[in-house]
Amino acid sequence: VPIIAGTNTDEGTAFGPTGVNTTQQFYAYLTDG
């Protein structure tokens, strides 16, 4: 059936982590749950 579907540009500010300062920390965020 026909739909309207959309998102907001900065959705990530509501769902992303804070306090990630290094690539190693980002990698851990992705792999450790």
PDB file of all heavy atoms in Angstrom:
ATOM      1  N   VAL A   1       0.858  -1.187   0.000  1.00  0.00           N
ATOM      2  CA  VAL A   1       0.000   0.000   0.000  1.00  0.00           C
ATOM      3  C   VAL A   1       0.895   1.238   0.000  1.00  0.00           C
ATOM      4  O   VAL A   1       2.061   1.179   0.395  1.00  0.00           O
ATOM      5  CB  VAL A   1      -0.929   0.016   1.237  1.00  0.00           C
ATOM      6  CG1 VAL A   1      -1.908  -1.139   1.205  1.00  0.00           C
ATOM      7  CG2 VAL A   1      -0.102   0.006   2.534  1.00  0.00           C
ATOM      8  N   PRO A   2       0.398   2.385  -0.433  1.00  0.00           N
ATOM      9  CA  PRO A   2       1.200   3.613  -0.430  1.00  0.00           C
ATOM     10  C   PRO A   2       1.657   3.991   0.977  1.00  0.00           C
ATOM     11  O   PRO A   2       0.937   3.771   1.956  1.00  0.00           O
ATOM     12  CB  PRO A   2       0.233   4.666  -0.996  1.00  0.00           C
ATOM     13  CG  PRO A   2      -0.748   3.888  -1.810  1.00  0.00           C
ATOM     14  CD  PRO A   2      -0.925   2.591  -1.068  1.00  0.00           C
ATOM     15  N   ILE A   3       2.858   4.570   1.055  1.00  0.00           N
ATOM     16  CA  ILE A   3       3.411   4.974   2.348  1.00  0.00           C
ATOM     17  C   ILE A   3       4.029   6.359   2.273  1.00  0.00           C
ATOM     18  O   ILE A   3       4.424   6.827   1.209  1.00  0.00           O
ATOM     19  CB  ILE A   3       4.493   3.993   2.863  1.00  0.00           C
ATOM     20  CG1 ILE A   3       5.692   3.941   1.895  1.00  0.00           C
ATOM     21  CG2 ILE A   3       3.912   2.612   3.122  1.00  0.00           C
ATOM     22  CD1 ILE A   3       6.905   3.207   2.451  1.00  0.00           C
ATOM     23  N   ILE A   4       4.099   7.004   3.432  1.00  0.00           N
ATOM     24  CA  ILE A   4       5.039   8.084   3.714  1.00  0.00           C
ATOM     25  C   ILE A   4       6.034   7.520   4.707  1.00  0.00           C
ATOM     26  O   ILE A   4       5.649   6.888   5.695  1.00  0.00           O
ATOM     27  CB  ILE A   4       4.338   9.318   4.310  1.00  0.00           C
ATOM     28  CG1 ILE A   4       3.535  10.062   3.237  1.00  0.00           C
ATOM     29  CG2 ILE A   4       5.344  10.269   4.947  1.00  0.00           C
ATOM     30  CD1 ILE A   4       2.734  11.245   3.766  1.00  0.00           C
ATOM     31  N   ALA A   5       7.323   7.729   4.454  1.00  0.00           N
ATOM     32  CA  ALA A   5       8.352   7.217   5.370  1.00  0.00           C
ATOM     33  C   ALA A   5       9.498   8.214   5.438  1.00  0.00           C
ATOM     34  O   ALA A   5       9.994   8.675   4.401  1.00  0.00           O
ATOM     35  CB  ALA A   5       8.869   5.855   4.898  1.00  0.00           C
ATOM     36  N   GLY A   6       9.917   8.565   6.644  1.00  0.00           N
ATOM     37  CA  GLY A   6      10.998   9.531   6.764  1.00  0.00           C
ATOM     38  C   GLY A   6      11.715   9.469   8.093  1.00  0.00           C
ATOM     39  O   GLY A   6      11.309   8.748   9.018  1.00  0.00           O
ATOM     40  N   THR A   7      12.791  10.220   8.165  1.00  0.00           N
ATOM     41  CA  THR A   7      13.608  10.310   9.374  1.00  0.00           C
ATOM     42  C   THR A   7      14.080  11.755   9.538  1.00  0.00           C
ATOM     43  O   THR A   7      13.931  12.574   8.625  1.00  0.00           O
ATOM     44  CB  THR A   7      14.832   9.382   9.293  1.00  0.00           C
ATOM     45  OG1 THR A   7      15.452   9.543   7.999  1.00  0.00           O
ATOM     46  CG2 THR A   7      14.453   7.933   9.468  1.00  0.00           C
ATOM     47  N   ASN A   8      14.666  12.036  10.690  1.00  0.00           N
ATOM     48  CA  ASN A   8      15.184  13.367  10.985  1.00  0.00           C
ATOM     49  C   ASN A   8      16.701  13.377  10.861  1.00  0.00           C
ATOM     50  O   ASN A   8      17.366  12.416  11.264  1.00  0.00           O
ATOM     51  CB  ASN A   8      14.756  13.806  12.379  1.00  0.00           C
ATOM     52  CG  ASN A   8      13.246  13.876  12.527  1.00  0.00           C
ATOM     53  OD1 ASN A   8      12.504  13.783  11.539  1.00  0.00           O
ATOM     54  ND2 ASN A   8      12.775  14.048  13.748  1.00  0.00           N
ATOM     55  N   THR A   9      17.246  14.448  10.338  1.00  0.00           N
ATOM     56  CA  THR A   9      18.666  14.503  10.002  1.00  0.00           C
ATOM     57  C   THR A   9      19.559  14.033  11.138  1.00  0.00           C
ATOM     58  O   THR A   9      20.468  13.217  10.944  1.00  0.00           O
ATOM     59  CB  THR A   9      19.060  15.939   9.599  1.00  0.00           C
ATOM     60  OG1 THR A   9      18.310  16.320   8.447  1.00  0.00           O
ATOM     61  CG2 THR A   9      20.542  16.034   9.300  1.00  0.00           C
ATOM     62  N   ASP A  10      19.321  14.524  12.336  1.00  0.00           N
ATOM     63  CA  ASP A  10      20.230  14.267  13.453  1.00  0.00           C
ATOM     64  C   ASP A  10      19.669  13.244  14.438  1.00  0.00           C
ATOM     65  O   ASP A  10      19.779  13.410  15.663  1.00  0.00           O
ATOM     66  CB  ASP A  10      20.568  15.572  14.164  1.00  0.00           C
ATOM     67  CG  ASP A  10      21.249  16.570  13.240  1.00  0.00           C
ATOM     68  OD1 ASP A  10      22.152  16.158  12.490  1.00  0.00           O
ATOM     69  OD2 ASP A  10      20.874  17.756  13.259  1.00  0.00           O
ATOM     70  N   GLU A  11      19.067  12.172  13.933  1.00  0.00           N
ATOM     71  CA  GLU A  11      18.565  11.095  14.796  1.00  0.00           C
ATOM     72  C   GLU A  11      19.657  10.594  15.743  1.00  0.00           C
ATOM     73  O   GLU A  11      19.400  10.222  16.888  1.00  0.00           O
ATOM     74  CB  GLU A  11      18.058   9.926  13.952  1.00  0.00           C
ATOM     75  CG  GLU A  11      16.929  10.242  13.003  1.00  0.00           C
ATOM     76  CD  GLU A  11      15.552  10.114  13.632  1.00  0.00           C
ATOM     77  OE1 GLU A  11      15.464   9.895  14.854  1.00  0.00           O
ATOM     78  OE2 GLU A  11      14.549  10.255  12.888  1.00  0.00           O
ATOM     79  N   GLY A  12      20.895  10.589  15.274  1.00  0.00           N
ATOM     80  CA  GLY A  12      21.986  10.014  16.061  1.00  0.00           C
ATOM     81  C   GLY A  12      22.276  10.727  17.349  1.00  0.00           C
ATOM     82  O   GLY A  12      22.845  10.136  18.272  1.00  0.00           O
ATOM     83  N   THR A  13      21.899  12.017  17.476  1.00  0.00           N
ATOM     84  CA  THR A  13      22.149  12.708  18.740  1.00  0.00           C
ATOM     85  C   THR A  13      21.267  12.156  19.853  1.00  0.00           C
ATOM     86  O   THR A  13      21.558  12.344  21.036  1.00  0.00           O
ATOM     87  CB  THR A  13      21.913  14.222  18.607  1.00  0.00           C
ATOM     88  OG1 THR A  13      20.544  14.470  18.256  1.00  0.00           O
ATOM     89  CG2 THR A  13      22.820  14.823  17.539  1.00  0.00           C
ATOM     90  N   ALA A  14      20.170  11.468  19.486  1.00  0.00           N
ATOM     91  CA  ALA A  14      19.291  10.849  20.485  1.00  0.00           C
ATOM     92  C   ALA A  14      19.706   9.425  20.802  1.00  0.00           C
ATOM     93  O   ALA A  14      19.413   8.924  21.890  1.00  0.00           O
ATOM     94  CB  ALA A  14      17.846  10.855  19.983  1.00  0.00           C
ATOM     95  N   PHE A  15      20.388   8.753  19.870  1.00  0.00           N
ATOM     96  CA  PHE A  15      20.643   7.322  20.036  1.00  0.00           C
ATOM     97  C   PHE A  15      22.120   6.954  20.134  1.00  0.00           C
ATOM     98  O   PHE A  15      22.455   5.812  20.465  1.00  0.00           O
ATOM     99  CB  PHE A  15      20.020   6.550  18.865  1.00  0.00           C
ATOM    100  CG  PHE A  15      18.535   6.719  18.764  1.00  0.00           C
ATOM    101  CD1 PHE A  15      17.975   7.512  17.773  1.00  0.00           C
ATOM    102  CD2 PHE A  15      17.692   6.113  19.677  1.00  0.00           C
ATOM    103  CE1 PHE A  15      16.604   7.683  17.681  1.00  0.00           C
ATOM    104  CE2 PHE A  15      16.325   6.281  19.599  1.00  0.00           C
ATOM    105  CZ  PHE A  15      15.774   7.067  18.595  1.00  0.00           C
ATOM    106  N   GLY A  16      23.013   7.882  19.829  1.00  0.00           N
ATOM    107  CA  GLY A  16      24.435   7.559  19.843  1.00  0.00           C
ATOM    108  C   GLY A  16      25.054   7.664  21.222  1.00  0.00           C
ATOM    109  O   GLY A  16      24.484   8.261  22.139  1.00  0.00           O
ATOM    110  N   PRO A  17      26.254   7.113  21.386  1.00  0.00           N
ATOM    111  CA  PRO A  17      26.949   7.161  22.679  1.00  0.00           C
ATOM    112  C   PRO A  17      27.626   8.505  22.892  1.00  0.00           C
ATOM    113  O   PRO A  17      27.853   9.265  21.942  1.00  0.00           O
ATOM    114  CB  PRO A  17      27.997   6.051  22.535  1.00  0.00           C
ATOM    115  CG  PRO A  17      28.346   6.077  21.071  1.00  0.00           C
ATOM    116  CD  PRO A  17      27.031   6.381  20.361  1.00  0.00           C
ATOM    117  N   THR A  18      27.938   8.800  24.119  1.00  0.00           N
ATOM    118  CA  THR A  18      28.780   9.944  24.449  1.00  0.00           C
ATOM    119  C   THR A  18      30.044   9.421  25.119  1.00  0.00           C
ATOM    120  O   THR A  18      30.095   8.289  25.597  1.00  0.00           O
ATOM    121  CB  THR A  18      28.055  10.925  25.387  1.00  0.00           C
ATOM    122  OG1 THR A  18      27.648  10.224  26.577  1.00  0.00           O
ATOM    123  CG2 THR A  18      26.825  11.524  24.713  1.00  0.00           C
ATOM    124  N   GLY A  19      31.060  10.257  25.144  1.00  0.00           N
ATOM    125  CA  GLY A  19      32.300   9.879  25.819  1.00  0.00           C
ATOM    126  C   GLY A  19      33.242   9.033  25.000  1.00  0.00           C
ATOM    127  O   GLY A  19      34.224   8.504  25.544  1.00  0.00           O
ATOM    128  N   VAL A  20      33.005   8.886  23.709  1.00  0.00           N
ATOM    129  CA  VAL A  20      33.927   8.140  22.841  1.00  0.00           C
ATOM    130  C   VAL A  20      34.977   9.119  22.318  1.00  0.00           C
ATOM    131  O   VAL A  20      34.655  10.048  21.569  1.00  0.00           O
ATOM    132  CB  VAL A  20      33.183   7.468  21.668  1.00  0.00           C
ATOM    133  CG1 VAL A  20      34.179   6.835  20.698  1.00  0.00           C
ATOM    134  CG2 VAL A  20      32.219   6.420  22.192  1.00  0.00           C
ATOM    135  N   ASN A  21      36.230   8.907  22.713  1.00  0.00           N
ATOM    136  CA  ASN A  21      37.302   9.838  22.383  1.00  0.00           C
ATOM    137  C   ASN A  21      38.322   9.297  21.401  1.00  0.00           C
ATOM    138  O   ASN A  21      39.083  10.062  20.812  1.00  0.00           O
ATOM    139  CB  ASN A  21      38.034  10.275  23.659  1.00  0.00           C
ATOM    140  CG  ASN A  21      37.132  11.050  24.600  1.00  0.00           C
ATOM    141  OD1 ASN A  21      36.577  12.077  24.215  1.00  0.00           O
ATOM    142  ND2 ASN A  21      36.994  10.571  25.829  1.00  0.00           N
ATOM    143  N   THR A  22      38.348   7.970  21.209  1.00  0.00           N
ATOM    144  CA  THR A  22      39.358   7.366  20.346  1.00  0.00           C
ATOM    145  C   THR A  22      38.721   6.325  19.433  1.00  0.00           C
ATOM    146  O   THR A  22      37.623   5.823  19.705  1.00  0.00           O
ATOM    147  CB  THR A  22      40.449   6.668  21.175  1.00  0.00           C
ATOM    148  OG1 THR A  22      39.873   5.532  21.848  1.00  0.00           O
ATOM    149  CG2 THR A  22      41.064   7.611  22.205  1.00  0.00           C
ATOM    150  N   THR A  23      39.431   5.993  18.363  1.00  0.00           N
ATOM    151  CA  THR A  23      38.963   4.950  17.452  1.00  0.00           C
ATOM    152  C   THR A  23      38.876   3.619  18.181  1.00  0.00           C
ATOM    153  O   THR A  23      37.964   2.817  17.923  1.00  0.00           O
ATOM    154  CB  THR A  23      39.911   4.848  16.247  1.00  0.00           C
ATOM    155  OG1 THR A  23      39.840   6.068  15.495  1.00  0.00           O
ATOM    156  CG2 THR A  23      39.535   3.680  15.341  1.00  0.00           C
ATOM    157  N   GLN A  24      39.789   3.368  19.100  1.00  0.00           N
ATOM    158  CA  GLN A  24      39.760   2.118  19.869  1.00  0.00           C
ATOM    159  C   GLN A  24      38.477   2.020  20.698  1.00  0.00           C
ATOM    160  O   GLN A  24      37.864   0.944  20.789  1.00  0.00           O
ATOM    161  CB  GLN A  24      40.992   2.018  20.785  1.00  0.00           C
ATOM    162  CG  GLN A  24      42.316   1.808  20.054  1.00  0.00           C
ATOM    163  CD  GLN A  24      42.791   3.058  19.315  1.00  0.00           C
ATOM    164  OE1 GLN A  24      42.427   4.193  19.679  1.00  0.00           O
ATOM    165  NE2 GLN A  24      43.595   2.852  18.269  1.00  0.00           N
ATOM    166  N   GLN A  25      38.065   3.134  21.278  1.00  0.00           N
ATOM    167  CA  GLN A  25      36.826   3.131  22.049  1.00  0.00           C
ATOM    168  C   GLN A  25      35.606   2.921  21.149  1.00  0.00           C
ATOM    169  O   GLN A  25      34.659   2.225  21.518  1.00  0.00           O
ATOM    170  CB  GLN A  25      36.688   4.445  22.822  1.00  0.00           C
ATOM    171  CG  GLN A  25      37.663   4.585  23.980  1.00  0.00           C
ATOM    172  CD  GLN A  25      37.579   5.950  24.654  1.00  0.00           C
ATOM    173  OE1 GLN A  25      37.117   6.925  24.054  1.00  0.00           O
ATOM    174  NE2 GLN A  25      38.036   6.032  25.898  1.00  0.00           N
ATOM    175  N   PHE A  26      35.626   3.501  19.970  1.00  0.00           N
ATOM    176  CA  PHE A  26      34.531   3.298  19.017  1.00  0.00           C
ATOM    177  C   PHE A  26      34.484   1.828  18.586  1.00  0.00           C
ATOM    178  O   PHE A  26      33.409   1.222  18.513  1.00  0.00           O
ATOM    179  CB  PHE A  26      34.721   4.224  17.812  1.00  0.00           C
ATOM    180  CG  PHE A  26      33.573   4.241  16.841  1.00  0.00           C
ATOM    181  CD1 PHE A  26      32.296   3.808  17.203  1.00  0.00           C
ATOM    182  CD2 PHE A  26      33.755   4.707  15.542  1.00  0.00           C
ATOM    183  CE1 PHE A  26      31.239   3.843  16.294  1.00  0.00           C
ATOM    184  CE2 PHE A  26      32.707   4.734  14.627  1.00  0.00           C
ATOM    185  CZ  PHE A  26      31.451   4.295  15.003  1.00  0.00           C
ATOM    186  N   TYR A  27      35.638   1.242  18.334  1.00  0.00           N
ATOM    187  CA  TYR A  27      35.696  -0.178  17.957  1.00  0.00           C
ATOM    188  C   TYR A  27      35.131  -1.049  19.077  1.00  0.00           C
ATOM    189  O   TYR A  27      34.352  -1.986  18.825  1.00  0.00           O
ATOM    190  CB  TYR A  27      37.140  -0.578  17.651  1.00  0.00           C
ATOM    191  CG  TYR A  27      37.312  -2.028  17.276  1.00  0.00           C
ATOM    192  CD1 TYR A  27      36.994  -2.475  15.993  1.00  0.00           C
ATOM    193  CD2 TYR A  27      37.789  -2.958  18.196  1.00  0.00           C
ATOM    194  CE1 TYR A  27      37.153  -3.809  15.640  1.00  0.00           C
ATOM    195  CE2 TYR A  27      37.943  -4.295  17.852  1.00  0.00           C
ATOM    196  CZ  TYR A  27      37.623  -4.710  16.573  1.00  0.00           C
ATOM    197  OH  TYR A  27      37.776  -6.042  16.237  1.00  0.00           O
ATOM    198  N   ALA A  28      35.475  -0.732  20.307  1.00  0.00           N
ATOM    199  CA  ALA A  28      34.941  -1.493  21.444  1.00  0.00           C
ATOM    200  C   ALA A  28      33.426  -1.344  21.530  1.00  0.00           C
ATOM    201  O   ALA A  28      32.707  -2.315  21.801  1.00  0.00           O
ATOM    202  CB  ALA A  28      35.601  -1.027  22.740  1.00  0.00           C
ATOM    203  N   TYR A  29      32.949  -0.133  21.285  1.00  0.00           N
ATOM    204  CA  TYR A  29      31.501   0.106  21.289  1.00  0.00           C
ATOM    205  C   TYR A  29      30.797  -0.783  20.272  1.00  0.00           C
ATOM    206  O   TYR A  29      29.702  -1.303  20.521  1.00  0.00           O
ATOM    207  CB  TYR A  29      31.255   1.586  20.989  1.00  0.00           C
ATOM    208  CG  TYR A  29      29.820   1.967  20.724  1.00  0.00           C
ATOM    209  CD1 TYR A  29      28.923   2.154  21.775  1.00  0.00           C
ATOM    210  CD2 TYR A  29      29.365   2.165  19.421  1.00  0.00           C
ATOM    211  CE1 TYR A  29      27.601   2.530  21.524  1.00  0.00           C
ATOM    212  CE2 TYR A  29      28.045   2.544  19.171  1.00  0.00           C
ATOM    213  CZ  TYR A  29      27.179   2.715  20.225  1.00  0.00           C
ATOM    214  OH  TYR A  29      25.876   3.078  19.979  1.00  0.00           O
ATOM    215  N   LEU A  30      31.405  -0.990  19.135  1.00  0.00           N
ATOM    216  CA  LEU A  30      30.810  -1.802  18.073  1.00  0.00           C
ATOM    217  C   LEU A  30      30.865  -3.295  18.353  1.00  0.00           C
ATOM    218  O   LEU A  30      29.998  -4.049  17.901  1.00  0.00           O
ATOM    219  CB  LEU A  30      31.517  -1.515  16.740  1.00  0.00           C
ATOM    220  CG  LEU A  30      31.394  -0.099  16.179  1.00  0.00           C
ATOM    221  CD1 LEU A  30      32.337   0.090  14.996  1.00  0.00           C
ATOM    222  CD2 LEU A  30      29.958   0.195  15.769  1.00  0.00           C
ATOM    223  N   THR A  31      31.851  -3.726  19.095  1.00  0.00           N
ATOM    224  CA  THR A  31      32.094  -5.165  19.209  1.00  0.00           C
ATOM    225  C   THR A  31      31.790  -5.781  20.569  1.00  0.00           C
ATOM    226  O   THR A  31      31.676  -7.009  20.665  1.00  0.00           O
ATOM    227  CB  THR A  31      33.566  -5.484  18.864  1.00  0.00           C
ATOM    228  OG1 THR A  31      34.431  -4.726  19.736  1.00  0.00           O
ATOM    229  CG2 THR A  31      33.870  -5.149  17.420  1.00  0.00           C
ATOM    230  N   ASP A  32      31.655  -4.971  21.609  1.00  0.00           N
ATOM    231  CA  ASP A  32      31.486  -5.571  22.943  1.00  0.00           C
ATOM    232  C   ASP A  32      30.055  -5.514  23.467  1.00  0.00           C
ATOM    233  O   ASP A  32      29.803  -5.805  24.633  1.00  0.00           O
ATOM    234  CB  ASP A  32      32.434  -4.938  23.952  1.00  0.00           C
ATOM    235  CG  ASP A  32      32.122  -3.468  24.245  1.00  0.00           C
ATOM    236  OD1 ASP A  32      31.096  -2.962  23.739  1.00  0.00           O
ATOM    237  OD2 ASP A  32      32.912  -2.832  24.960  1.00  0.00           O
ATOM    238  N   GLY A  33      29.106  -5.114  22.622  1.00  0.00           N
ATOM    239  CA  GLY A  33      27.712  -5.130  23.034  1.00  0.00           C
ATOM    240  C   GLY A  33      27.187  -3.825  23.558  1.00  0.00           C
ATOM    241  O   GLY A  33      25.984  -3.703  23.832  1.00  0.00           O
TER     242      GLY A  33
END
